[in-house]
């Protein structure tokens, strides 16, 4: 793996030299824009609309638009000098519980390995975090960008995940058309809980695959081989109107197939299925009618 950062973890007066490696890779299939007429890839040019000419990199600087059409410019040396002031240290500020951090904060994961003669300090930090069950909240600068990060133990390795600052998280109040808090149909709720119970399973990452990427790669291989491609017609969209019918059909679709409906089969039912059956019975049970008081009756009439 390619080293993307070198520095040290600092907690208290302990200094742990580390190297950082990207823990993930983007497997999106890259494509270019091609001129259909001649088959050449399209190139992008840096062109100034005011001068109406192409611009070389030597003539370009970075700028911040502080008003519409007005910029403050920065020379490359100014930004490099600013970057040089950033310490190459992962400074742990606090230790917290992982469950206290909402997943919305997480960005990208990296692996950390000990550098130089830092194995002892690395193992010490790893084992201490493992036994206390804590993760470290730290500050780090990667490629001149300062970021918060969470350091945690992953299978005998320290991993660091960059996380957003609080002011980078958009408030939920900005989300349009959220339904107002209101009661839901109890029977529909019971059936929805049954469906969730039947679909619940331990998380196994290996069972999930990128179907789109596999289909696209398969299509690419067929095209390279010069085979004629025929695409299946798109499935017609259907608007589900009857929510109860949709829930019932979903439950039936994921129900375990019972090979023997006798007593032996009942004994071997899983706890999950039993709980689902109980929830279904509760959902299907008729509700007792409320008695209307004489005062209420007069008001209604």
C-alpha atoms as a PDB file:
ATOM      1  CA  UNK A   1       0.000   0.000   0.000  1.00  0.00           C
ATOM      2  CA  UNK A   2       1.083   3.553  -0.683  1.00  0.00           C
ATOM      3  CA  UNK A   3       1.917   5.775   2.298  1.00  0.00           C
ATOM      4  CA  UNK A   4      -0.344   8.834   2.192  1.00  0.00           C
ATOM      5  CA  UNK A   5       0.890  10.553   5.382  1.00  0.00           C
ATOM      6  CA  UNK A   6       3.720  10.333   7.898  1.00  0.00           C
ATOM      7  CA  UNK A   7       3.717  11.826  11.360  1.00  0.00           C
ATOM      8  CA  UNK A   8       2.948  10.843  14.920  1.00  0.00           C
ATOM      9  CA  UNK A   9       0.080  10.285  17.333  1.00  0.00           C
ATOM     10  CA  UNK A  10       0.330  12.423  20.444  1.00  0.00           C
ATOM     11  CA  UNK A  11      -1.664  11.750  23.620  1.00  0.00           C
ATOM     12  CA  UNK A  12      -0.453  13.419  26.788  1.00  0.00           C
ATOM     13  CA  UNK A  13       3.331  13.296  26.613  1.00  0.00           C
ATOM     14  CA  UNK A  14       3.379  10.013  24.671  1.00  0.00           C
ATOM     15  CA  UNK A  15       4.638  10.237  21.087  1.00  0.00           C
ATOM     16  CA  UNK A  16       3.817   7.423  18.618  1.00  0.00           C
ATOM     17  CA  UNK A  17       5.470   7.688  15.150  1.00  0.00           C
ATOM     18  CA  UNK A  18       3.087   6.313  12.504  1.00  0.00           C
ATOM     19  CA  UNK A  19       2.535   5.923   8.775  1.00  0.00           C
ATOM     20  CA  UNK A  20      -0.942   6.239   7.284  1.00  0.00           C
ATOM     21  CA  UNK A  21      -2.441   4.158   4.463  1.00  0.00           C
ATOM     22  CA  UNK A  22      -5.818   4.464   2.783  1.00  0.00           C
ATOM     23  CA  UNK A  23      -8.148   1.732   4.057  1.00  0.00           C
ATOM     24  CA  UNK A  24     -10.581   1.972   1.138  1.00  0.00           C
ATOM     25  CA  UNK A  25     -10.393   2.183  -2.636  1.00  0.00           C
ATOM     26  CA  UNK A  26     -12.798   3.554  -5.194  1.00  0.00           C
ATOM     27  CA  UNK A  27     -13.722   0.787  -7.630  1.00  0.00           C
ATOM     28  CA  UNK A  28     -15.951   2.884  -9.858  1.00  0.00           C
ATOM     29  CA  UNK A  29     -15.305   2.109 -13.521  1.00  0.00           C
ATOM     30  CA  UNK A  30     -13.679   5.179 -15.065  1.00  0.00           C
ATOM     31  CA  UNK A  31     -14.873   6.383 -18.459  1.00  0.00           C
ATOM     32  CA  UNK A  32     -13.851   9.230 -20.748  1.00  0.00           C
ATOM     33  CA  UNK A  33     -15.855  11.430 -23.082  1.00  0.00           C
ATOM     34  CA  UNK A  34     -15.182  10.379 -26.691  1.00  0.00           C
ATOM     35  CA  UNK A  35     -15.795  12.227 -29.952  1.00  0.00           C
ATOM     36  CA  UNK A  36     -18.187   9.865 -31.779  1.00  0.00           C
ATOM     37  CA  UNK A  37     -16.995  10.991 -35.228  1.00  0.00           C
ATOM     38  CA  UNK A  38     -13.336   9.988 -34.897  1.00  0.00           C
ATOM     39  CA  UNK A  39     -13.172   8.101 -31.597  1.00  0.00           C
ATOM     40  CA  UNK A  40     -10.712  10.509 -29.956  1.00  0.00           C
ATOM     41  CA  UNK A  41     -10.992  11.390 -26.245  1.00  0.00           C
ATOM     42  CA  UNK A  42     -12.195  14.917 -25.558  1.00  0.00           C
ATOM     43  CA  UNK A  43      -9.644  17.152 -23.815  1.00  0.00           C
ATOM     44  CA  UNK A  44     -10.497  19.976 -21.463  1.00  0.00           C
ATOM     45  CA  UNK A  45      -8.813  23.351 -21.851  1.00  0.00           C
ATOM     46  CA  UNK A  46      -8.278  26.161 -19.346  1.00  0.00           C
ATOM     47  CA  UNK A  47      -9.716  29.166 -21.138  1.00  0.00           C
ATOM     48  CA  UNK A  48     -10.215  32.736 -19.957  1.00  0.00           C
ATOM     49  CA  UNK A  49     -13.644  34.027 -21.095  1.00  0.00           C
ATOM     50  CA  UNK A  50     -12.543  37.682 -20.855  1.00  0.00           C
ATOM     51  CA  UNK A  51      -9.272  37.385 -22.804  1.00  0.00           C
ATOM     52  CA  UNK A  52     -10.772  34.692 -25.067  1.00  0.00           C
ATOM     53  CA  UNK A  53      -7.604  32.607 -25.036  1.00  0.00           C
ATOM     54  CA  UNK A  54      -6.256  29.386 -23.531  1.00  0.00           C
ATOM     55  CA  UNK A  55      -4.283  29.868 -20.299  1.00  0.00           C
ATOM     56  CA  UNK A  56      -1.136  28.009 -19.181  1.00  0.00           C
ATOM     57  CA  UNK A  57      -0.681  26.811 -15.594  1.00  0.00           C
ATOM     58  CA  UNK A  58       2.040  29.444 -15.076  1.00  0.00           C
ATOM     59  CA  UNK A  59      -0.578  32.174 -15.500  1.00  0.00           C
ATOM     60  CA  UNK A  60      -3.030  30.713 -12.987  1.00  0.00           C
ATOM     61  CA  UNK A  61      -3.357  31.469  -9.269  1.00  0.00           C
ATOM     62  CA  UNK A  62      -5.989  30.520  -6.711  1.00  0.00           C
ATOM     63  CA  UNK A  63      -8.624  33.003  -5.581  1.00  0.00           C
ATOM     64  CA  UNK A  64     -11.467  33.330  -3.075  1.00  0.00           C
ATOM     65  CA  UNK A  65     -14.690  35.011  -4.216  1.00  0.00           C
ATOM     66  CA  UNK A  66     -15.644  37.311  -1.312  1.00  0.00           C
ATOM     67  CA  UNK A  67     -18.242  39.190  -3.394  1.00  0.00           C
ATOM     68  CA  UNK A  68     -19.930  38.348  -6.674  1.00  0.00           C
ATOM     69  CA  UNK A  69     -17.180  38.645  -9.306  1.00  0.00           C
ATOM     70  CA  UNK A  70     -14.566  39.949  -6.834  1.00  0.00           C
ATOM     71  CA  UNK A  71     -11.676  37.757  -5.693  1.00  0.00           C
ATOM     72  CA  UNK A  72      -8.661  37.890  -3.390  1.00  0.00           C
ATOM     73  CA  UNK A  73      -5.724  36.075  -5.012  1.00  0.00           C
ATOM     74  CA  UNK A  74      -3.146  33.819  -3.409  1.00  0.00           C
ATOM     75  CA  UNK A  75       0.275  32.951  -4.747  1.00  0.00           C
ATOM     76  CA  UNK A  76       1.430  29.350  -4.548  1.00  0.00           C
ATOM     77  CA  UNK A  77       4.185  30.299  -2.078  1.00  0.00           C
ATOM     78  CA  UNK A  78       1.663  31.869   0.329  1.00  0.00           C
ATOM     79  CA  UNK A  79      -0.410  28.700   0.528  1.00  0.00           C
ATOM     80  CA  UNK A  80       2.686  26.514   0.836  1.00  0.00           C
ATOM     81  CA  UNK A  81       3.926  28.648   3.729  1.00  0.00           C
ATOM     82  CA  UNK A  82       0.548  28.310   5.427  1.00  0.00           C
ATOM     83  CA  UNK A  83       0.656  24.526   4.958  1.00  0.00           C
ATOM     84  CA  UNK A  84       4.155  24.351   6.449  1.00  0.00           C
ATOM     85  CA  UNK A  85       2.788  25.761   9.723  1.00  0.00           C
ATOM     86  CA  UNK A  86       0.524  22.735  10.169  1.00  0.00           C
ATOM     87  CA  UNK A  87       2.068  20.185  12.527  1.00  0.00           C
ATOM     88  CA  UNK A  88       2.434  16.630  11.277  1.00  0.00           C
ATOM     89  CA  UNK A  89       0.963  15.313  14.495  1.00  0.00           C
ATOM     90  CA  UNK A  90      -2.303  13.542  15.252  1.00  0.00           C
ATOM     91  CA  UNK A  91      -3.163  15.172  18.557  1.00  0.00           C
ATOM     92  CA  UNK A  92      -5.699  13.192  20.598  1.00  0.00           C
ATOM     93  CA  UNK A  93      -7.936  15.662  22.402  1.00  0.00           C
ATOM     94  CA  UNK A  94     -10.372  13.330  24.157  1.00  0.00           C
ATOM     95  CA  UNK A  95     -11.304   9.685  24.546  1.00  0.00           C
ATOM     96  CA  UNK A  96     -14.992   8.873  24.000  1.00  0.00           C
ATOM     97  CA  UNK A  97     -17.334   5.949  23.337  1.00  0.00           C
ATOM     98  CA  UNK A  98     -17.817   5.002  19.678  1.00  0.00           C
ATOM     99  CA  UNK A  99     -21.606   4.799  20.067  1.00  0.00           C
ATOM    100  CA  UNK A 100     -21.635   8.500  21.048  1.00  0.00           C
ATOM    101  CA  UNK A 101     -20.721   9.499  17.463  1.00  0.00           C
ATOM    102  CA  UNK A 102     -23.482   9.561  14.866  1.00  0.00           C
ATOM    103  CA  UNK A 103     -22.387   7.871  11.575  1.00  0.00           C
ATOM    104  CA  UNK A 104     -23.174  11.095   9.657  1.00  0.00           C
ATOM    105  CA  UNK A 105     -19.870  12.515  10.935  1.00  0.00           C
ATOM    106  CA  UNK A 106     -17.611   9.872   9.366  1.00  0.00           C
ATOM    107  CA  UNK A 107     -15.774  10.596   6.092  1.00  0.00           C
ATOM    108  CA  UNK A 108     -12.844   8.355   5.103  1.00  0.00           C
ATOM    109  CA  UNK A 109     -10.930   5.581   6.855  1.00  0.00           C
ATOM    110  CA  UNK A 110      -7.142   5.106   6.988  1.00  0.00           C
ATOM    111  CA  UNK A 111      -4.940   2.456   8.592  1.00  0.00           C
ATOM    112  CA  UNK A 112      -2.061   3.456  10.862  1.00  0.00           C
ATOM    113  CA  UNK A 113       1.128   1.427  11.281  1.00  0.00           C
ATOM    114  CA  UNK A 114       4.096   2.116  13.566  1.00  0.00           C
ATOM    115  CA  UNK A 115       6.994   3.999  11.985  1.00  0.00           C
ATOM    116  CA  UNK A 116      10.674   3.795  12.881  1.00  0.00           C
ATOM    117  CA  UNK A 117      11.101   2.578  16.476  1.00  0.00           C
ATOM    118  CA  UNK A 118       7.514   3.296  17.497  1.00  0.00           C
ATOM    119  CA  UNK A 119       6.253  -0.292  17.850  1.00  0.00           C
ATOM    120  CA  UNK A 120       6.226  -0.334  21.660  1.00  0.00           C
ATOM    121  CA  UNK A 121       4.296   2.933  21.994  1.00  0.00           C
ATOM    122  CA  UNK A 122       1.946   1.861  19.170  1.00  0.00           C
ATOM    123  CA  UNK A 123       1.140  -1.446  20.906  1.00  0.00           C
ATOM    124  CA  UNK A 124       0.697   0.328  24.227  1.00  0.00           C
ATOM    125  CA  UNK A 125      -1.879   2.756  22.809  1.00  0.00           C
ATOM    126  CA  UNK A 126      -3.631  -0.022  20.876  1.00  0.00           C
ATOM    127  CA  UNK A 127      -3.944  -2.323  23.896  1.00  0.00           C
ATOM    128  CA  UNK A 128      -5.008   0.481  26.253  1.00  0.00           C
ATOM    129  CA  UNK A 129      -7.770   1.563  23.847  1.00  0.00           C
ATOM    130  CA  UNK A 130      -8.817  -2.044  23.303  1.00  0.00           C
ATOM    131  CA  UNK A 131      -9.161  -2.787  27.012  1.00  0.00           C
ATOM    132  CA  UNK A 132     -10.920   0.483  27.885  1.00  0.00           C
ATOM    133  CA  UNK A 133     -13.229   0.278  24.850  1.00  0.00           C
ATOM    134  CA  UNK A 134     -12.577   3.943  24.062  1.00  0.00           C
ATOM    135  CA  UNK A 135     -11.759   5.742  20.814  1.00  0.00           C
ATOM    136  CA  UNK A 136      -9.676   8.888  20.493  1.00  0.00           C
ATOM    137  CA  UNK A 137     -10.941  12.166  19.056  1.00  0.00           C
ATOM    138  CA  UNK A 138      -8.027  13.949  17.411  1.00  0.00           C
ATOM    139  CA  UNK A 139      -7.030  16.719  15.036  1.00  0.00           C
ATOM    140  CA  UNK A 140      -5.060  15.976  11.876  1.00  0.00           C
ATOM    141  CA  UNK A 141      -4.018  17.856   8.739  1.00  0.00           C
ATOM    142  CA  UNK A 142      -3.999  15.875   5.485  1.00  0.00           C
ATOM    143  CA  UNK A 143      -2.975  17.614   2.257  1.00  0.00           C
ATOM    144  CA  UNK A 144      -3.172  21.011   3.988  1.00  0.00           C
ATOM    145  CA  UNK A 145      -6.751  20.421   5.157  1.00  0.00           C
ATOM    146  CA  UNK A 146      -7.353  20.345   8.888  1.00  0.00           C
ATOM    147  CA  UNK A 147      -9.847  17.767  10.043  1.00  0.00           C
ATOM    148  CA  UNK A 148     -11.250  16.086  13.095  1.00  0.00           C
ATOM    149  CA  UNK A 149     -10.637  12.360  13.307  1.00  0.00           C
ATOM    150  CA  UNK A 150     -11.555   9.308  15.335  1.00  0.00           C
ATOM    151  CA  UNK A 151      -8.843   6.759  16.184  1.00  0.00           C
ATOM    152  CA  UNK A 152     -10.040   3.254  17.016  1.00  0.00           C
ATOM    153  CA  UNK A 153      -8.849  -0.360  17.114  1.00  0.00           C
ATOM    154  CA  UNK A 154      -9.654  -2.616  14.139  1.00  0.00           C
ATOM    155  CA  UNK A 155      -8.452  -6.229  14.328  1.00  0.00           C
ATOM    156  CA  UNK A 156      -5.091  -5.490  15.914  1.00  0.00           C
ATOM    157  CA  UNK A 157      -4.522  -2.291  13.942  1.00  0.00           C
ATOM    158  CA  UNK A 158      -5.108   1.367  14.743  1.00  0.00           C
ATOM    159  CA  UNK A 159      -7.461   2.986  12.245  1.00  0.00           C
ATOM    160  CA  UNK A 160      -8.225   6.665  11.888  1.00  0.00           C
ATOM    161  CA  UNK A 161     -11.415   8.031  10.357  1.00  0.00           C
ATOM    162  CA  UNK A 162     -11.693  11.664   9.374  1.00  0.00           C
ATOM    163  CA  UNK A 163     -14.930  13.207  10.584  1.00  0.00           C
ATOM    164  CA  UNK A 164     -16.798  16.392   9.752  1.00  0.00           C
ATOM    165  CA  UNK A 165     -16.737  19.411  12.035  1.00  0.00           C
ATOM    166  CA  UNK A 166     -20.147  20.128  13.600  1.00  0.00           C
ATOM    167  CA  UNK A 167     -20.700  23.246  11.462  1.00  0.00           C
ATOM    168  CA  UNK A 168     -20.240  21.096   8.327  1.00  0.00           C
ATOM    169  CA  UNK A 169     -23.323  19.021   9.179  1.00  0.00           C
ATOM    170  CA  UNK A 170     -26.474  20.523   7.701  1.00  0.00           C
ATOM    171  CA  UNK A 171     -29.364  20.772  10.172  1.00  0.00           C
ATOM    172  CA  UNK A 172     -32.303  18.444   9.612  1.00  0.00           C
ATOM    173  CA  UNK A 173     -34.598  21.499   9.750  1.00  0.00           C
ATOM    174  CA  UNK A 174     -33.407  22.303   6.194  1.00  0.00           C
ATOM    175  CA  UNK A 175     -34.835  19.038   4.816  1.00  0.00           C
ATOM    176  CA  UNK A 176     -38.079  19.827   2.942  1.00  0.00           C
ATOM    177  CA  UNK A 177     -41.376  17.927   3.122  1.00  0.00           C
ATOM    178  CA  UNK A 178     -40.668  15.959   6.290  1.00  0.00           C
ATOM    179  CA  UNK A 179     -43.947  14.492   7.630  1.00  0.00           C
ATOM    180  CA  UNK A 180     -45.292  16.034  10.796  1.00  0.00           C
ATOM    181  CA  UNK A 181     -45.368  13.864  13.878  1.00  0.00           C
ATOM    182  CA  UNK A 182     -48.644  11.967  13.773  1.00  0.00           C
ATOM    183  CA  UNK A 183     -50.013   8.608  14.802  1.00  0.00           C
ATOM    184  CA  UNK A 184     -49.627   5.642  12.473  1.00  0.00           C
ATOM    185  CA  UNK A 185     -52.057   2.799  11.916  1.00  0.00           C
ATOM    186  CA  UNK A 186     -51.364   0.239  14.668  1.00  0.00           C
ATOM    187  CA  UNK A 187     -52.052  -2.741  12.416  1.00  0.00           C
ATOM    188  CA  UNK A 188     -49.722  -1.428   9.701  1.00  0.00           C
ATOM    189  CA  UNK A 189     -47.096  -0.693  12.356  1.00  0.00           C
ATOM    190  CA  UNK A 190     -47.352  -4.248  13.717  1.00  0.00           C
ATOM    191  CA  UNK A 191     -46.920  -5.746  10.251  1.00  0.00           C
ATOM    192  CA  UNK A 192     -43.986  -3.432   9.491  1.00  0.00           C
ATOM    193  CA  UNK A 193     -42.301  -4.623  12.702  1.00  0.00           C
ATOM    194  CA  UNK A 194     -42.895  -8.238  11.675  1.00  0.00           C
ATOM    195  CA  UNK A 195     -41.265  -7.554   8.305  1.00  0.00           C
ATOM    196  CA  UNK A 196     -38.253  -5.868   9.952  1.00  0.00           C
ATOM    197  CA  UNK A 197     -37.926  -8.806  12.355  1.00  0.00           C
ATOM    198  CA  UNK A 198     -37.953 -11.339   9.518  1.00  0.00           C
ATOM    199  CA  UNK A 199     -35.372  -9.375   7.527  1.00  0.00           C
ATOM    200  CA  UNK A 200     -33.078  -8.871  10.541  1.00  0.00           C
ATOM    201  CA  UNK A 201     -29.745 -10.713  10.422  1.00  0.00           C
ATOM    202  CA  UNK A 202     -26.132 -10.238  11.620  1.00  0.00           C
ATOM    203  CA  UNK A 203     -24.178  -7.852   9.390  1.00  0.00           C
ATOM    204  CA  UNK A 204     -22.042  -9.797   6.900  1.00  0.00           C
ATOM    205  CA  UNK A 205     -20.273  -7.350   4.513  1.00  0.00           C
ATOM    206  CA  UNK A 206     -19.134 -10.148   2.171  1.00  0.00           C
ATOM    207  CA  UNK A 207     -22.699 -10.895   1.064  1.00  0.00           C
ATOM    208  CA  UNK A 208     -23.177  -7.454  -0.515  1.00  0.00           C
ATOM    209  CA  UNK A 209     -21.848  -6.806  -4.022  1.00  0.00           C
ATOM    210  CA  UNK A 210     -21.906  -3.900  -6.467  1.00  0.00           C
ATOM    211  CA  UNK A 211     -24.398  -5.273  -9.003  1.00  0.00           C
ATOM    212  CA  UNK A 212     -24.140  -2.212 -11.230  1.00  0.00           C
ATOM    213  CA  UNK A 213     -20.338  -2.419 -11.500  1.00  0.00           C
ATOM    214  CA  UNK A 214     -20.462  -6.154 -12.249  1.00  0.00           C
ATOM    215  CA  UNK A 215     -23.118  -5.646 -14.945  1.00  0.00           C
ATOM    216  CA  UNK A 216     -21.186  -2.750 -16.489  1.00  0.00           C
ATOM    217  CA  UNK A 217     -17.924  -4.753 -16.539  1.00  0.00           C
ATOM    218  CA  UNK A 218     -19.766  -7.662 -18.152  1.00  0.00           C
ATOM    219  CA  UNK A 219     -21.182  -5.304 -20.780  1.00  0.00           C
ATOM    220  CA  UNK A 220     -17.685  -3.895 -21.457  1.00  0.00           C
ATOM    221  CA  UNK A 221     -16.276  -7.398 -22.029  1.00  0.00           C
ATOM    222  CA  UNK A 222     -19.091  -8.233 -24.464  1.00  0.00           C
ATOM    223  CA  UNK A 223     -18.469  -4.997 -26.394  1.00  0.00           C
ATOM    224  CA  UNK A 224     -14.706  -5.689 -26.543  1.00  0.00           C
ATOM    225  CA  UNK A 225     -15.521  -9.117 -27.980  1.00  0.00           C
ATOM    226  CA  UNK A 226     -17.691  -7.425 -30.609  1.00  0.00           C
ATOM    227  CA  UNK A 227     -20.862  -9.137 -29.510  1.00  0.00           C
ATOM    228  CA  UNK A 228     -24.257  -7.601 -30.225  1.00  0.00           C
ATOM    229  CA  UNK A 229     -25.856  -6.249 -27.068  1.00  0.00           C
ATOM    230  CA  UNK A 230     -29.573  -6.418 -26.367  1.00  0.00           C
ATOM    231  CA  UNK A 231     -30.855  -4.699 -23.252  1.00  0.00           C
ATOM    232  CA  UNK A 232     -33.794  -6.051 -21.296  1.00  0.00           C
ATOM    233  CA  UNK A 233     -36.810  -3.727 -21.225  1.00  0.00           C
ATOM    234  CA  UNK A 234     -37.161  -1.625 -18.115  1.00  0.00           C
ATOM    235  CA  UNK A 235     -39.575  -2.915 -15.518  1.00  0.00           C
ATOM    236  CA  UNK A 236     -42.796  -0.894 -15.415  1.00  0.00           C
ATOM    237  CA  UNK A 237     -43.095   1.294 -12.356  1.00  0.00           C
ATOM    238  CA  UNK A 238     -46.019   0.638 -10.082  1.00  0.00           C
ATOM    239  CA  UNK A 239     -47.412   2.961  -7.459  1.00  0.00           C
ATOM    240  CA  UNK A 240     -48.257   1.031  -4.308  1.00  0.00           C
ATOM    241  CA  UNK A 241     -51.595   2.281  -3.060  1.00  0.00           C
ATOM    242  CA  UNK A 242     -52.620  -0.438  -0.590  1.00  0.00           C
ATOM    243  CA  UNK A 243     -49.968  -0.296   2.130  1.00  0.00           C
ATOM    244  CA  UNK A 244     -51.442  -3.217   4.048  1.00  0.00           C
ATOM    245  CA  UNK A 245     -51.402  -5.434   0.953  1.00  0.00           C
ATOM    246  CA  UNK A 246     -47.788  -4.476   0.253  1.00  0.00           C
ATOM    247  CA  UNK A 247     -46.759  -5.290   3.830  1.00  0.00           C
ATOM    248  CA  UNK A 248     -48.583  -8.621   3.769  1.00  0.00           C
ATOM    249  CA  UNK A 249     -47.031  -9.571   0.415  1.00  0.00           C
ATOM    250  CA  UNK A 250     -43.563  -8.634   1.708  1.00  0.00           C
ATOM    251  CA  UNK A 251     -44.001 -10.757   4.834  1.00  0.00           C
ATOM    252  CA  UNK A 252     -45.166 -13.729   2.773  1.00  0.00           C
ATOM    253  CA  UNK A 253     -42.173 -13.329   0.424  1.00  0.00           C
ATOM    254  CA  UNK A 254     -39.599 -13.608   3.233  1.00  0.00           C
ATOM    255  CA  UNK A 255     -41.396 -16.215   5.368  1.00  0.00           C
ATOM    256  CA  UNK A 256     -39.288 -19.334   6.034  1.00  0.00           C
ATOM    257  CA  UNK A 257     -40.501 -22.359   4.034  1.00  0.00           C
ATOM    258  CA  UNK A 258     -41.759 -25.014   6.466  1.00  0.00           C
ATOM    259  CA  UNK A 259     -41.092 -28.522   5.149  1.00  0.00           C
ATOM    260  CA  UNK A 260     -42.985 -30.167   8.023  1.00  0.00           C
ATOM    261  CA  UNK A 261     -45.891 -28.302   9.621  1.00  0.00           C
ATOM    262  CA  UNK A 262     -46.091 -30.838  12.483  1.00  0.00           C
ATOM    263  CA  UNK A 263     -44.883 -30.542  16.101  1.00  0.00           C
ATOM    264  CA  UNK A 264     -41.251 -31.207  15.173  1.00  0.00           C
ATOM    265  CA  UNK A 265     -41.199 -28.156  12.907  1.00  0.00           C
ATOM    266  CA  UNK A 266     -42.695 -26.012  15.656  1.00  0.00           C
ATOM    267  CA  UNK A 267     -39.954 -27.036  18.072  1.00  0.00           C
ATOM    268  CA  UNK A 268     -37.226 -26.057  15.626  1.00  0.00           C
ATOM    269  CA  UNK A 269     -38.593 -22.590  14.936  1.00  0.00           C
ATOM    270  CA  UNK A 270     -36.089 -19.843  15.599  1.00  0.00           C
ATOM    271  CA  UNK A 271     -36.693 -17.230  18.239  1.00  0.00           C
ATOM    272  CA  UNK A 272     -36.868 -14.650  15.487  1.00  0.00           C
ATOM    273  CA  UNK A 273     -39.725 -16.441  13.725  1.00  0.00           C
ATOM    274  CA  UNK A 274     -41.578 -16.945  16.993  1.00  0.00           C
ATOM    275  CA  UNK A 275     -41.239 -13.267  17.812  1.00  0.00           C
ATOM    276  CA  UNK A 276     -42.441 -12.362  14.338  1.00  0.00           C
ATOM    277  CA  UNK A 277     -45.485 -14.610  14.703  1.00  0.00           C
ATOM    278  CA  UNK A 278     -46.304 -13.044  18.042  1.00  0.00           C
ATOM    279  CA  UNK A 279     -46.029  -9.556  16.564  1.00  0.00           C
ATOM    280  CA  UNK A 280     -48.242 -10.589  13.660  1.00  0.00           C
ATOM    281  CA  UNK A 281     -50.886 -11.958  16.026  1.00  0.00           C
ATOM    282  CA  UNK A 282     -50.797  -8.725  18.001  1.00  0.00           C
ATOM    283  CA  UNK A 283     -51.114  -6.676  14.825  1.00  0.00           C
ATOM    284  CA  UNK A 284     -54.018  -8.762  13.562  1.00  0.00           C
ATOM    285  CA  UNK A 285     -55.913  -8.824  16.865  1.00  0.00           C
ATOM    286  CA  UNK A 286     -59.067  -6.677  16.769  1.00  0.00           C
ATOM    287  CA  UNK A 287     -59.005  -3.686  19.041  1.00  0.00           C
ATOM    288  CA  UNK A 288     -61.662  -3.430  21.771  1.00  0.00           C
ATOM    289  CA  UNK A 289     -64.249  -0.815  20.963  1.00  0.00           C
ATOM    290  CA  UNK A 290     -64.207   2.249  23.122  1.00  0.00           C
ATOM    291  CA  UNK A 291     -67.264   2.964  25.192  1.00  0.00           C
ATOM    292  CA  UNK A 292     -68.713   6.342  24.458  1.00  0.00           C
ATOM    293  CA  UNK A 293     -69.850   8.246  27.491  1.00  0.00           C
ATOM    294  CA  UNK A 294     -73.359   9.719  27.625  1.00  0.00           C
ATOM    295  CA  UNK A 295     -71.854  13.161  27.588  1.00  0.00           C
ATOM    296  CA  UNK A 296     -69.889  12.334  24.447  1.00  0.00           C
ATOM    297  CA  UNK A 297     -73.026  10.876  22.829  1.00  0.00           C
ATOM    298  CA  UNK A 298     -74.888  14.077  23.365  1.00  0.00           C
ATOM    299  CA  UNK A 299     -72.087  16.051  21.806  1.00  0.00           C
ATOM    300  CA  UNK A 300     -72.012  13.802  18.736  1.00  0.00           C
ATOM    301  CA  UNK A 301     -75.770  13.997  18.219  1.00  0.00           C
END
